[in-house]
N, C-alpha and C. Protein backbone atom coordinates (compact mmCIF):
# COMPACT_ATOMS: atom_id res chain seq x y z
N MET A 1 19.08 4.93 14.13
CA MET A 1 18.80 5.93 13.12
C MET A 1 17.88 6.99 13.72
N ALA A 2 18.21 8.23 13.46
CA ALA A 2 17.41 9.34 13.97
C ALA A 2 16.02 9.32 13.33
N THR A 3 15.02 9.58 14.13
CA THR A 3 13.67 9.62 13.59
C THR A 3 13.12 11.03 13.58
N LYS A 4 13.82 11.94 14.23
CA LYS A 4 13.40 13.34 14.21
C LYS A 4 14.00 14.00 12.98
N GLN A 5 13.18 14.71 12.24
CA GLN A 5 13.65 15.31 10.99
C GLN A 5 14.65 16.43 11.28
N PRO A 6 15.87 16.29 10.75
CA PRO A 6 16.87 17.33 10.96
C PRO A 6 16.64 18.50 10.01
N PRO A 7 17.30 19.63 10.26
CA PRO A 7 17.19 20.74 9.30
C PRO A 7 17.98 20.41 8.04
N PHE A 8 17.50 20.84 6.90
CA PHE A 8 18.16 20.57 5.63
C PHE A 8 18.54 21.88 4.95
N LYS A 9 19.70 21.86 4.27
CA LYS A 9 20.14 23.03 3.51
C LYS A 9 19.58 23.03 2.11
N THR A 10 19.32 21.83 1.59
CA THR A 10 18.80 21.72 0.23
C THR A 10 17.68 20.70 0.18
N GLU A 11 16.92 20.78 -0.88
CA GLU A 11 15.84 19.83 -1.09
C GLU A 11 16.41 18.43 -1.36
N ASN A 12 17.57 18.37 -2.02
CA ASN A 12 18.21 17.08 -2.27
C ASN A 12 18.62 16.40 -0.97
N GLN A 13 19.12 17.16 -0.02
CA GLN A 13 19.47 16.58 1.29
C GLN A 13 18.25 15.97 1.95
N GLU A 14 17.14 16.69 1.89
CA GLU A 14 15.92 16.18 2.50
C GLU A 14 15.45 14.92 1.78
N ALA A 15 15.51 14.91 0.45
CA ALA A 15 15.09 13.74 -0.32
C ALA A 15 15.95 12.53 0.03
N GLU A 16 17.24 12.72 0.16
CA GLU A 16 18.14 11.62 0.53
C GLU A 16 17.81 11.09 1.93
N TRP A 17 17.52 11.98 2.87
CA TRP A 17 17.17 11.56 4.23
C TRP A 17 15.90 10.72 4.22
N TRP A 18 14.88 11.17 3.51
CA TRP A 18 13.63 10.41 3.44
C TRP A 18 13.86 9.05 2.77
N LYS A 19 14.71 9.03 1.74
CA LYS A 19 15.00 7.77 1.06
C LYS A 19 15.67 6.79 2.01
N LYS A 20 16.58 7.29 2.84
CA LYS A 20 17.30 6.42 3.78
C LYS A 20 16.37 5.82 4.83
N ILE A 21 15.36 6.55 5.23
CA ILE A 21 14.50 6.07 6.32
C ILE A 21 13.15 5.54 5.84
N GLN A 22 12.96 5.39 4.53
CA GLN A 22 11.63 5.00 4.03
C GLN A 22 11.16 3.66 4.60
N ASN A 23 12.07 2.71 4.75
CA ASN A 23 11.65 1.42 5.31
C ASN A 23 11.26 1.55 6.78
N LEU A 24 11.99 2.36 7.52
CA LEU A 24 11.67 2.60 8.92
C LEU A 24 10.29 3.25 9.04
N VAL A 25 10.04 4.24 8.20
CA VAL A 25 8.74 4.93 8.22
C VAL A 25 7.62 3.94 7.88
N ALA A 26 7.83 3.14 6.85
CA ALA A 26 6.81 2.16 6.45
C ALA A 26 6.56 1.15 7.57
N ASP A 27 7.63 0.66 8.19
CA ASP A 27 7.48 -0.31 9.28
C ASP A 27 6.72 0.30 10.46
N ARG A 28 7.06 1.50 10.83
CA ARG A 28 6.36 2.15 11.95
C ARG A 28 4.91 2.43 11.61
N PHE A 29 4.67 2.80 10.36
CA PHE A 29 3.29 3.06 9.95
C PHE A 29 2.48 1.77 10.00
N GLU A 30 3.07 0.67 9.55
CA GLU A 30 2.37 -0.61 9.60
C GLU A 30 2.09 -1.03 11.04
N GLN A 31 3.04 -0.80 11.93
CA GLN A 31 2.83 -1.13 13.34
C GLN A 31 1.67 -0.33 13.92
N ALA A 32 1.65 0.96 13.61
CA ALA A 32 0.58 1.81 14.10
C ALA A 32 -0.76 1.40 13.48
N ALA A 33 -0.72 1.08 12.20
CA ALA A 33 -1.95 0.68 11.51
C ALA A 33 -2.50 -0.61 12.09
N ALA A 34 -1.62 -1.55 12.38
CA ALA A 34 -2.07 -2.82 12.93
C ALA A 34 -2.74 -2.63 14.28
N ALA A 35 -2.26 -1.65 15.02
CA ALA A 35 -2.81 -1.41 16.35
C ALA A 35 -4.10 -0.59 16.30
N LYS A 36 -4.25 0.27 15.28
CA LYS A 36 -5.36 1.23 15.31
C LYS A 36 -6.31 1.15 14.13
N LEU A 37 -5.85 0.65 12.98
CA LEU A 37 -6.70 0.66 11.79
C LEU A 37 -7.30 -0.71 11.54
N GLY A 38 -8.03 -0.83 10.46
CA GLY A 38 -8.58 -2.11 10.06
C GLY A 38 -9.98 -2.36 10.57
N LYS A 39 -10.59 -1.34 11.14
CA LYS A 39 -11.92 -1.52 11.69
C LYS A 39 -12.97 -0.72 10.93
N GLY A 40 -12.53 0.02 9.88
CA GLY A 40 -13.43 0.87 9.12
C GLY A 40 -14.25 0.12 8.09
N THR A 41 -15.12 0.83 7.42
CA THR A 41 -16.02 0.19 6.47
C THR A 41 -15.30 -0.33 5.24
N VAL A 42 -14.24 0.34 4.78
CA VAL A 42 -13.49 -0.14 3.62
C VAL A 42 -12.85 -1.48 3.94
N ALA A 43 -12.21 -1.56 5.09
CA ALA A 43 -11.57 -2.81 5.49
C ALA A 43 -12.61 -3.91 5.66
N GLN A 44 -13.73 -3.58 6.25
CA GLN A 44 -14.79 -4.57 6.45
C GLN A 44 -15.32 -5.06 5.11
N ALA A 45 -15.54 -4.15 4.18
CA ALA A 45 -16.04 -4.54 2.86
C ALA A 45 -15.04 -5.43 2.13
N ALA A 46 -13.76 -5.11 2.24
CA ALA A 46 -12.74 -5.93 1.60
C ALA A 46 -12.69 -7.33 2.19
N ARG A 47 -12.80 -7.41 3.51
CA ARG A 47 -12.81 -8.73 4.16
C ARG A 47 -14.02 -9.55 3.73
N GLU A 48 -15.18 -8.90 3.66
CA GLU A 48 -16.40 -9.60 3.26
C GLU A 48 -16.30 -10.10 1.82
N ARG A 49 -15.76 -9.24 0.95
CA ARG A 49 -15.61 -9.64 -0.45
C ARG A 49 -14.63 -10.80 -0.58
N ALA A 50 -13.55 -10.76 0.17
CA ALA A 50 -12.57 -11.84 0.14
C ALA A 50 -13.19 -13.14 0.64
N ALA A 51 -14.00 -13.05 1.67
CA ALA A 51 -14.63 -14.25 2.23
C ALA A 51 -15.62 -14.85 1.23
N GLN A 52 -16.33 -14.01 0.49
CA GLN A 52 -17.32 -14.49 -0.47
C GLN A 52 -16.67 -15.14 -1.69
N SER A 53 -15.50 -14.63 -2.08
CA SER A 53 -14.87 -15.12 -3.30
C SER A 53 -14.10 -16.41 -3.09
N GLY A 54 -13.87 -16.80 -1.85
CA GLY A 54 -13.12 -18.02 -1.59
C GLY A 54 -11.62 -17.79 -1.71
N ALA A 55 -10.87 -18.86 -1.60
CA ALA A 55 -9.42 -18.77 -1.63
C ALA A 55 -8.94 -18.48 -3.05
N ALA A 56 -8.02 -17.55 -3.16
CA ALA A 56 -7.42 -17.20 -4.44
C ALA A 56 -6.08 -17.92 -4.56
N PRO A 57 -5.65 -18.19 -5.79
CA PRO A 57 -4.35 -18.81 -5.95
C PRO A 57 -3.24 -17.88 -5.47
N THR A 58 -2.17 -18.45 -4.95
CA THR A 58 -1.03 -17.67 -4.50
C THR A 58 -0.08 -17.50 -5.66
N ILE A 59 0.37 -16.25 -5.88
CA ILE A 59 1.32 -15.96 -6.95
C ILE A 59 2.49 -15.18 -6.38
N THR A 60 3.55 -15.09 -7.14
CA THR A 60 4.70 -14.27 -6.79
C THR A 60 4.87 -13.22 -7.87
N ILE A 61 5.07 -11.99 -7.46
CA ILE A 61 5.27 -10.90 -8.39
C ILE A 61 6.38 -10.00 -7.85
N ARG A 62 7.25 -9.56 -8.72
CA ARG A 62 8.33 -8.67 -8.32
C ARG A 62 7.86 -7.22 -8.47
N LEU A 63 8.09 -6.43 -7.42
CA LEU A 63 7.74 -5.02 -7.44
C LEU A 63 8.96 -4.20 -7.03
N ALA A 64 9.02 -2.99 -7.54
CA ALA A 64 10.06 -2.08 -7.07
C ALA A 64 9.82 -1.81 -5.58
N GLU A 65 10.90 -1.73 -4.82
CA GLU A 65 10.77 -1.54 -3.37
C GLU A 65 9.99 -0.27 -3.06
N SER A 66 10.23 0.78 -3.84
CA SER A 66 9.52 2.04 -3.59
C SER A 66 8.02 1.89 -3.83
N ASP A 67 7.63 1.11 -4.85
CA ASP A 67 6.20 0.87 -5.10
C ASP A 67 5.58 0.07 -3.98
N LEU A 68 6.30 -0.92 -3.49
CA LEU A 68 5.79 -1.73 -2.39
C LEU A 68 5.61 -0.88 -1.13
N THR A 69 6.58 -0.02 -0.86
CA THR A 69 6.48 0.86 0.31
C THR A 69 5.26 1.77 0.19
N ARG A 70 5.08 2.35 -0.99
CA ARG A 70 3.92 3.23 -1.21
C ARG A 70 2.62 2.46 -1.05
N ALA A 71 2.58 1.24 -1.59
CA ALA A 71 1.37 0.43 -1.48
C ALA A 71 1.05 0.11 -0.02
N LYS A 72 2.08 -0.18 0.76
CA LYS A 72 1.87 -0.48 2.18
C LYS A 72 1.31 0.73 2.91
N ILE A 73 1.82 1.90 2.59
CA ILE A 73 1.35 3.12 3.24
C ILE A 73 -0.11 3.39 2.87
N PHE A 74 -0.42 3.33 1.56
CA PHE A 74 -1.79 3.59 1.12
C PHE A 74 -2.75 2.55 1.69
N ALA A 75 -2.33 1.31 1.73
CA ALA A 75 -3.18 0.25 2.28
C ALA A 75 -3.47 0.50 3.75
N ALA A 76 -2.44 0.86 4.50
CA ALA A 76 -2.62 1.12 5.93
C ALA A 76 -3.57 2.28 6.15
N GLU A 77 -3.50 3.29 5.30
CA GLU A 77 -4.41 4.44 5.43
C GLU A 77 -5.86 4.02 5.25
N LYS A 78 -6.06 2.96 4.47
CA LYS A 78 -7.41 2.47 4.21
C LYS A 78 -7.80 1.32 5.15
N GLY A 79 -6.88 0.93 6.02
CA GLY A 79 -7.16 -0.15 6.95
C GLY A 79 -7.12 -1.53 6.31
N LEU A 80 -6.32 -1.65 5.25
CA LEU A 80 -6.23 -2.91 4.52
C LEU A 80 -4.84 -3.50 4.62
N ARG A 81 -4.74 -4.81 4.38
CA ARG A 81 -3.43 -5.42 4.20
C ARG A 81 -2.94 -5.00 2.82
N TYR A 82 -1.63 -4.86 2.68
CA TYR A 82 -1.13 -4.37 1.40
C TYR A 82 -1.43 -5.35 0.26
N GLN A 83 -1.47 -6.65 0.55
CA GLN A 83 -1.79 -7.61 -0.50
C GLN A 83 -3.22 -7.41 -1.02
N THR A 84 -4.13 -7.16 -0.10
CA THR A 84 -5.51 -6.89 -0.47
C THR A 84 -5.60 -5.62 -1.29
N TYR A 85 -4.87 -4.59 -0.85
CA TYR A 85 -4.88 -3.32 -1.57
C TYR A 85 -4.33 -3.49 -3.00
N LEU A 86 -3.21 -4.21 -3.14
CA LEU A 86 -2.64 -4.43 -4.48
C LEU A 86 -3.60 -5.24 -5.34
N ASN A 87 -4.28 -6.21 -4.75
CA ASN A 87 -5.26 -7.00 -5.49
C ASN A 87 -6.40 -6.10 -5.98
N MET A 88 -6.85 -5.19 -5.13
CA MET A 88 -7.91 -4.26 -5.52
C MET A 88 -7.46 -3.37 -6.67
N LEU A 89 -6.22 -2.84 -6.59
CA LEU A 89 -5.70 -2.00 -7.66
C LEU A 89 -5.62 -2.75 -8.98
N LEU A 90 -5.13 -3.97 -8.94
CA LEU A 90 -5.02 -4.78 -10.14
C LEU A 90 -6.40 -5.04 -10.73
N HIS A 91 -7.35 -5.37 -9.88
CA HIS A 91 -8.72 -5.63 -10.33
C HIS A 91 -9.30 -4.38 -11.02
N GLN A 92 -9.11 -3.21 -10.41
CA GLN A 92 -9.60 -1.96 -10.99
C GLN A 92 -8.94 -1.68 -12.34
N ALA A 93 -7.62 -1.89 -12.41
CA ALA A 93 -6.91 -1.64 -13.66
C ALA A 93 -7.37 -2.58 -14.77
N LEU A 94 -7.58 -3.85 -14.44
CA LEU A 94 -8.05 -4.80 -15.44
C LEU A 94 -9.45 -4.45 -15.92
N ASN A 95 -10.32 -4.04 -15.01
CA ASN A 95 -11.68 -3.61 -15.41
C ASN A 95 -11.61 -2.40 -16.32
N SER A 96 -10.74 -1.46 -16.00
CA SER A 96 -10.56 -0.26 -16.81
C SER A 96 -10.06 -0.61 -18.21
N GLU A 97 -9.08 -1.52 -18.28
CA GLU A 97 -8.56 -1.98 -19.57
C GLU A 97 -9.66 -2.65 -20.38
N GLU A 98 -10.45 -3.46 -19.72
CA GLU A 98 -11.53 -4.19 -20.41
C GLU A 98 -12.55 -3.21 -20.98
N LYS A 99 -12.91 -2.20 -20.20
CA LYS A 99 -13.87 -1.20 -20.68
C LYS A 99 -13.30 -0.43 -21.85
N GLY A 100 -12.00 -0.10 -21.79
CA GLY A 100 -11.35 0.62 -22.90
C GLY A 100 -11.28 -0.22 -24.15
N ALA A 101 -11.08 -1.51 -24.01
CA ALA A 101 -11.01 -2.40 -25.17
C ALA A 101 -12.37 -2.51 -25.86
N ARG A 102 -13.43 -2.47 -25.07
CA ARG A 102 -14.79 -2.54 -25.65
C ARG A 102 -15.12 -1.29 -26.45
N ARG A 103 -14.60 -0.13 -25.99
CA ARG A 103 -14.88 1.13 -26.67
C ARG A 103 -14.09 1.26 -27.97
N GLY A 104 -12.84 0.74 -27.91
CA GLY A 104 -11.89 0.93 -29.00
C GLY A 104 -12.19 0.12 -30.18
């Protein structure tokens, strides 16, 4: 599969091309992230928090492939594993819901 972006006649053509290669892009980003990221303060703080909280139960959750791809990209940008990143998002959302319930 070509990795160099070809010229596009329409925005739809470009969207289709990106959709076709999204897994390739995510895989390459993860490879680069594994080699270069994960040493920053956010990643360090997440590791320390995980170590302090002990082992969490393992669960299975179904996600849309596009959401998982986006989560992997955002996690890599922060130097985190995508599971850690999703756990952080869920924790933030639950705290937000709890605060809203107290106000309401």
